[in-house]
Amino acid sequence: MVDKLKKKLNSRSGESLTETLVALLISALALVMLAGAITASMRVITRSREKLDEYYNANESVVAGGTQPGKVSISVAGIQSKDYDVYFSTNDEFSNTPVISYKYTGH
């Protein structure tokens, strides 16, 4: 085995044209696939950033919008329930999912 390796290393014959072309083709395909993966990841990043901006804008409009007084009841089995006064705002602009904000008034 060592003799074969030495013979190959000392050989003056080079790679065939076919082997060289195949190696270049494989390298080119790898680069094209890498470029495609980078492009796809940039699209995913852009879409997720847009969705986050949309969510934060919807949440901001809830906080900035008018609030309505209401009561929240908390009850646990065997313990008397207590009502809390809260202000709440809702906005359903984010993907048809309501965004709700509550603020405890301390009463």
N, C-alpha and C. Protein backbone atom coordinates (compact mmCIF):
# COMPACT_ATOMS: atom_id res chain seq x y z
N MET A 1 0.82 -1.19 0.00
CA MET A 1 0.00 0.00 0.00
C MET A 1 0.87 1.26 0.00
N VAL A 2 1.89 1.26 0.82
CA VAL A 2 2.80 2.41 0.88
C VAL A 2 3.51 2.57 -0.46
N ASP A 3 3.85 1.44 -1.09
CA ASP A 3 4.53 1.50 -2.39
C ASP A 3 3.62 2.14 -3.45
N LYS A 4 2.33 1.81 -3.40
CA LYS A 4 1.39 2.39 -4.37
C LYS A 4 1.30 3.90 -4.17
N LEU A 5 1.26 4.33 -2.91
CA LEU A 5 1.16 5.76 -2.60
C LEU A 5 2.41 6.49 -3.08
N LYS A 6 3.59 5.91 -2.81
CA LYS A 6 4.84 6.53 -3.27
C LYS A 6 4.87 6.60 -4.79
N LYS A 7 4.40 5.54 -5.44
CA LYS A 7 4.40 5.52 -6.90
C LYS A 7 3.48 6.61 -7.45
N LYS A 8 2.31 6.77 -6.81
CA LYS A 8 1.36 7.80 -7.25
C LYS A 8 1.94 9.19 -7.04
N LEU A 9 2.59 9.41 -5.89
CA LEU A 9 3.18 10.71 -5.60
C LEU A 9 4.34 11.04 -6.53
N ASN A 10 5.10 10.06 -6.91
CA ASN A 10 6.25 10.28 -7.78
C ASN A 10 5.89 10.25 -9.26
N SER A 11 4.64 9.91 -9.55
CA SER A 11 4.20 9.80 -10.94
C SER A 11 4.17 11.18 -11.58
N ARG A 12 4.51 11.23 -12.84
CA ARG A 12 4.50 12.48 -13.58
C ARG A 12 3.19 12.68 -14.31
N SER A 13 2.33 11.68 -14.33
CA SER A 13 1.05 11.82 -15.04
C SER A 13 0.09 12.65 -14.18
N GLY A 14 -0.63 13.50 -14.83
CA GLY A 14 -1.57 14.38 -14.12
C GLY A 14 -2.98 13.82 -14.15
N GLU A 15 -3.91 14.63 -13.70
CA GLU A 15 -5.32 14.24 -13.72
C GLU A 15 -5.82 14.31 -15.15
N SER A 16 -6.80 13.51 -15.43
CA SER A 16 -7.37 13.54 -16.78
C SER A 16 -8.27 14.76 -16.92
N LEU A 17 -8.54 15.14 -18.13
CA LEU A 17 -9.41 16.28 -18.40
C LEU A 17 -10.81 16.05 -17.85
N THR A 18 -11.30 14.84 -17.96
CA THR A 18 -12.63 14.49 -17.45
C THR A 18 -12.71 14.68 -15.94
N GLU A 19 -11.71 14.20 -15.22
CA GLU A 19 -11.70 14.35 -13.76
C GLU A 19 -11.66 15.83 -13.37
N THR A 20 -10.90 16.61 -14.09
CA THR A 20 -10.81 18.04 -13.80
C THR A 20 -12.15 18.74 -14.05
N LEU A 21 -12.79 18.41 -15.16
CA LEU A 21 -14.09 19.01 -15.47
C LEU A 21 -15.16 18.61 -14.46
N VAL A 22 -15.15 17.36 -14.04
CA VAL A 22 -16.11 16.90 -13.03
C VAL A 22 -15.88 17.64 -11.71
N ALA A 23 -14.62 17.80 -11.32
CA ALA A 23 -14.32 18.52 -10.09
C ALA A 23 -14.78 19.98 -10.17
N LEU A 24 -14.58 20.61 -11.32
CA LEU A 24 -15.04 21.99 -11.51
C LEU A 24 -16.56 22.07 -11.48
N LEU A 25 -17.23 21.10 -12.09
CA LEU A 25 -18.69 21.08 -12.08
C LEU A 25 -19.23 20.93 -10.67
N ILE A 26 -18.64 20.04 -9.89
CA ILE A 26 -19.07 19.85 -8.49
C ILE A 26 -18.85 21.13 -7.70
N SER A 27 -17.71 21.78 -7.90
CA SER A 27 -17.43 23.04 -7.19
C SER A 27 -18.42 24.12 -7.57
N ALA A 28 -18.74 24.22 -8.87
CA ALA A 28 -19.69 25.23 -9.33
C ALA A 28 -21.09 24.96 -8.75
N LEU A 29 -21.51 23.71 -8.73
CA LEU A 29 -22.81 23.37 -8.14
C LEU A 29 -22.86 23.72 -6.65
N ALA A 30 -21.77 23.45 -5.96
CA ALA A 30 -21.72 23.78 -4.53
C ALA A 30 -21.85 25.29 -4.31
N LEU A 31 -21.19 26.09 -5.14
CA LEU A 31 -21.28 27.54 -5.01
C LEU A 31 -22.69 28.05 -5.34
N VAL A 32 -23.33 27.47 -6.35
CA VAL A 32 -24.69 27.87 -6.70
C VAL A 32 -25.64 27.52 -5.55
N MET A 33 -25.48 26.34 -4.97
CA MET A 33 -26.34 25.94 -3.85
C MET A 33 -26.11 26.84 -2.64
N LEU A 34 -24.87 27.22 -2.39
CA LEU A 34 -24.57 28.12 -1.28
C LEU A 34 -25.22 29.48 -1.50
N ALA A 35 -25.14 30.00 -2.72
CA ALA A 35 -25.78 31.28 -3.02
C ALA A 35 -27.29 31.19 -2.85
N GLY A 36 -27.90 30.09 -3.26
CA GLY A 36 -29.33 29.90 -3.08
C GLY A 36 -29.72 29.84 -1.61
N ALA A 37 -28.91 29.18 -0.81
CA ALA A 37 -29.19 29.10 0.62
C ALA A 37 -29.09 30.47 1.28
N ILE A 38 -28.11 31.25 0.88
CA ILE A 38 -27.95 32.60 1.44
C ILE A 38 -29.13 33.48 1.05
N THR A 39 -29.57 33.39 -0.21
CA THR A 39 -30.72 34.17 -0.67
C THR A 39 -31.98 33.78 0.09
N ALA A 40 -32.20 32.49 0.26
CA ALA A 40 -33.39 32.02 0.98
C ALA A 40 -33.37 32.47 2.44
N SER A 41 -32.22 32.43 3.07
CA SER A 41 -32.14 32.86 4.47
C SER A 41 -32.38 34.36 4.60
N MET A 42 -31.93 35.13 3.62
CA MET A 42 -32.20 36.58 3.65
C MET A 42 -33.69 36.86 3.51
N ARG A 43 -34.39 36.08 2.67
CA ARG A 43 -35.84 36.26 2.54
C ARG A 43 -36.55 35.93 3.84
N VAL A 44 -36.12 34.87 4.51
CA VAL A 44 -36.74 34.48 5.79
C VAL A 44 -36.50 35.56 6.83
N ILE A 45 -35.30 36.09 6.88
CA ILE A 45 -34.98 37.15 7.84
C ILE A 45 -35.84 38.38 7.57
N THR A 46 -35.98 38.75 6.30
CA THR A 46 -36.77 39.93 5.95
C THR A 46 -38.24 39.74 6.32
N ARG A 47 -38.79 38.56 6.01
CA ARG A 47 -40.20 38.30 6.35
C ARG A 47 -40.42 38.29 7.86
N SER A 48 -39.50 37.70 8.61
CA SER A 48 -39.69 37.67 10.07
C SER A 48 -39.56 39.07 10.65
N ARG A 49 -38.67 39.89 10.09
CA ARG A 49 -38.55 41.27 10.56
C ARG A 49 -39.84 42.04 10.27
N GLU A 50 -40.44 41.82 9.09
CA GLU A 50 -41.70 42.50 8.76
C GLU A 50 -42.82 42.06 9.70
N LYS A 51 -42.89 40.76 10.00
CA LYS A 51 -43.92 40.27 10.92
C LYS A 51 -43.74 40.84 12.32
N LEU A 52 -42.49 40.91 12.79
CA LEU A 52 -42.24 41.49 14.11
C LEU A 52 -42.63 42.96 14.13
N ASP A 53 -42.28 43.70 13.08
CA ASP A 53 -42.66 45.12 13.00
C ASP A 53 -44.18 45.27 13.00
N GLU A 54 -44.86 44.39 12.26
CA GLU A 54 -46.32 44.44 12.22
C GLU A 54 -46.90 44.18 13.61
N TYR A 55 -46.35 43.19 14.31
CA TYR A 55 -46.84 42.89 15.66
C TYR A 55 -46.60 44.06 16.60
N TYR A 56 -45.38 44.62 16.59
CA TYR A 56 -45.08 45.72 17.50
C TYR A 56 -45.91 46.96 17.18
N ASN A 57 -46.17 47.21 15.91
CA ASN A 57 -47.03 48.34 15.55
C ASN A 57 -48.45 48.13 16.05
N ALA A 58 -48.96 46.90 15.92
CA ALA A 58 -50.30 46.60 16.41
C ALA A 58 -50.35 46.74 17.93
N ASN A 59 -49.31 46.27 18.60
CA ASN A 59 -49.26 46.37 20.06
C ASN A 59 -49.16 47.84 20.49
N GLU A 60 -48.38 48.61 19.76
CA GLU A 60 -48.22 50.03 20.09
C GLU A 60 -49.53 50.77 19.91
N SER A 61 -50.29 50.42 18.86
CA SER A 61 -51.57 51.09 18.65
C SER A 61 -52.57 50.72 19.74
N VAL A 62 -52.43 49.54 20.32
CA VAL A 62 -53.29 49.15 21.45
C VAL A 62 -52.98 50.01 22.65
N VAL A 63 -51.69 50.15 22.94
CA VAL A 63 -51.29 50.93 24.12
C VAL A 63 -51.61 52.40 23.92
N ALA A 64 -51.42 52.92 22.72
CA ALA A 64 -51.67 54.33 22.46
C ALA A 64 -53.15 54.63 22.31
N GLY A 65 -53.95 53.62 21.97
CA GLY A 65 -55.37 53.84 21.73
C GLY A 65 -56.13 54.05 23.03
N GLY A 66 -57.42 54.32 22.89
CA GLY A 66 -58.26 54.53 24.06
C GLY A 66 -58.39 53.26 24.88
N THR A 67 -58.55 53.45 26.17
CA THR A 67 -58.71 52.28 27.04
C THR A 67 -60.13 52.26 27.57
N GLN A 68 -60.57 51.08 27.97
CA GLN A 68 -61.91 50.90 28.49
C GLN A 68 -61.80 50.29 29.89
N PRO A 69 -62.57 50.81 30.84
CA PRO A 69 -62.52 50.20 32.18
C PRO A 69 -63.23 48.84 32.17
N GLY A 70 -62.77 47.97 33.02
CA GLY A 70 -63.39 46.66 33.13
C GLY A 70 -62.99 46.01 34.44
N LYS A 71 -63.49 44.82 34.68
CA LYS A 71 -63.16 44.08 35.89
C LYS A 71 -62.67 42.70 35.50
N VAL A 72 -61.69 42.23 36.25
CA VAL A 72 -61.18 40.89 36.08
C VAL A 72 -61.37 40.17 37.39
N SER A 73 -61.95 38.98 37.33
CA SER A 73 -62.16 38.16 38.53
C SER A 73 -61.15 37.04 38.55
N ILE A 74 -60.50 36.88 39.69
CA ILE A 74 -59.56 35.78 39.86
C ILE A 74 -60.12 34.89 40.96
N SER A 75 -60.33 33.62 40.62
CA SER A 75 -60.85 32.70 41.63
C SER A 75 -60.08 31.40 41.58
N VAL A 76 -59.85 30.86 42.75
CA VAL A 76 -59.18 29.58 42.90
C VAL A 76 -60.10 28.71 43.73
N ALA A 77 -60.14 27.42 43.43
CA ALA A 77 -61.04 26.52 44.15
C ALA A 77 -60.79 26.62 45.65
N GLY A 78 -61.86 26.85 46.40
CA GLY A 78 -61.77 26.90 47.85
C GLY A 78 -61.37 28.26 48.40
N ILE A 79 -61.08 29.22 47.53
CA ILE A 79 -60.69 30.57 47.97
C ILE A 79 -61.68 31.55 47.36
N GLN A 80 -62.09 32.53 48.15
CA GLN A 80 -63.06 33.50 47.67
C GLN A 80 -62.46 34.30 46.51
N SER A 81 -63.25 34.52 45.48
CA SER A 81 -62.75 35.26 44.32
C SER A 81 -62.70 36.74 44.64
N LYS A 82 -61.84 37.44 43.94
CA LYS A 82 -61.70 38.87 44.14
C LYS A 82 -61.74 39.55 42.78
N ASP A 83 -62.42 40.68 42.70
CA ASP A 83 -62.49 41.45 41.46
C ASP A 83 -61.41 42.52 41.48
N TYR A 84 -60.81 42.72 40.32
CA TYR A 84 -59.80 43.77 40.16
C TYR A 84 -60.25 44.71 39.05
N ASP A 85 -60.10 46.01 39.30
CA ASP A 85 -60.39 46.99 38.27
C ASP A 85 -59.20 47.08 37.32
N VAL A 86 -59.47 47.01 36.06
CA VAL A 86 -58.40 47.11 35.07
C VAL A 86 -58.88 47.99 33.92
N TYR A 87 -57.94 48.50 33.18
CA TYR A 87 -58.23 49.14 31.90
C TYR A 87 -57.69 48.21 30.82
N PHE A 88 -58.45 48.03 29.79
CA PHE A 88 -57.96 47.15 28.73
C PHE A 88 -58.19 47.79 27.37
N SER A 89 -57.33 47.44 26.45
CA SER A 89 -57.44 47.88 25.07
C SER A 89 -57.28 46.65 24.20
N THR A 90 -57.97 46.62 23.10
CA THR A 90 -57.80 45.50 22.18
C THR A 90 -57.71 46.03 20.75
N ASN A 91 -57.01 45.29 19.96
CA ASN A 91 -56.81 45.64 18.56
C ASN A 91 -56.57 44.33 17.83
N ASP A 92 -57.32 44.07 16.78
CA ASP A 92 -57.15 42.80 16.08
C ASP A 92 -56.50 42.98 14.71
N GLU A 93 -55.51 43.85 14.63
CA GLU A 93 -54.88 44.10 13.35
C GLU A 93 -53.75 43.14 13.02
N PHE A 94 -53.33 42.31 13.95
CA PHE A 94 -52.19 41.43 13.69
C PHE A 94 -52.67 40.04 13.33
N SER A 95 -52.70 39.72 12.06
CA SER A 95 -53.03 38.39 11.55
C SER A 95 -54.33 37.84 12.13
N ASN A 96 -55.33 38.70 12.26
CA ASN A 96 -56.65 38.31 12.79
C ASN A 96 -56.57 37.72 14.19
N THR A 97 -55.52 38.02 14.92
CA THR A 97 -55.38 37.57 16.30
C THR A 97 -55.44 38.80 17.18
N PRO A 98 -56.38 38.84 18.14
CA PRO A 98 -56.47 40.05 18.96
C PRO A 98 -55.22 40.26 19.82
N VAL A 99 -54.81 41.49 19.86
CA VAL A 99 -53.73 41.89 20.75
C VAL A 99 -54.42 42.66 21.87
N ILE A 100 -54.28 42.18 23.10
CA ILE A 100 -54.99 42.77 24.24
C ILE A 100 -53.99 43.24 25.28
N SER A 101 -54.20 44.42 25.79
CA SER A 101 -53.33 44.98 26.81
C SER A 101 -54.16 45.28 28.05
N TYR A 102 -53.68 44.88 29.22
CA TYR A 102 -54.36 45.13 30.48
C TYR A 102 -53.49 46.01 31.36
N LYS A 103 -54.13 46.91 32.10
CA LYS A 103 -53.39 47.74 33.05
C LYS A 103 -54.15 47.72 34.37
N TYR A 104 -53.49 47.26 35.42
CA TYR A 104 -54.08 47.19 36.75
C TYR A 104 -54.12 48.59 37.34
N THR A 105 -55.28 48.98 37.87
CA THR A 105 -55.43 50.35 38.38
C THR A 105 -55.15 50.44 39.88
N GLY A 106 -55.04 49.32 40.55
CA GLY A 106 -54.72 49.34 41.97
C GLY A 106 -55.90 49.44 42.91
N HIS A 107 -57.11 49.28 42.41
CA HIS A 107 -58.30 49.36 43.29
C HIS A 107 -58.79 47.99 43.64
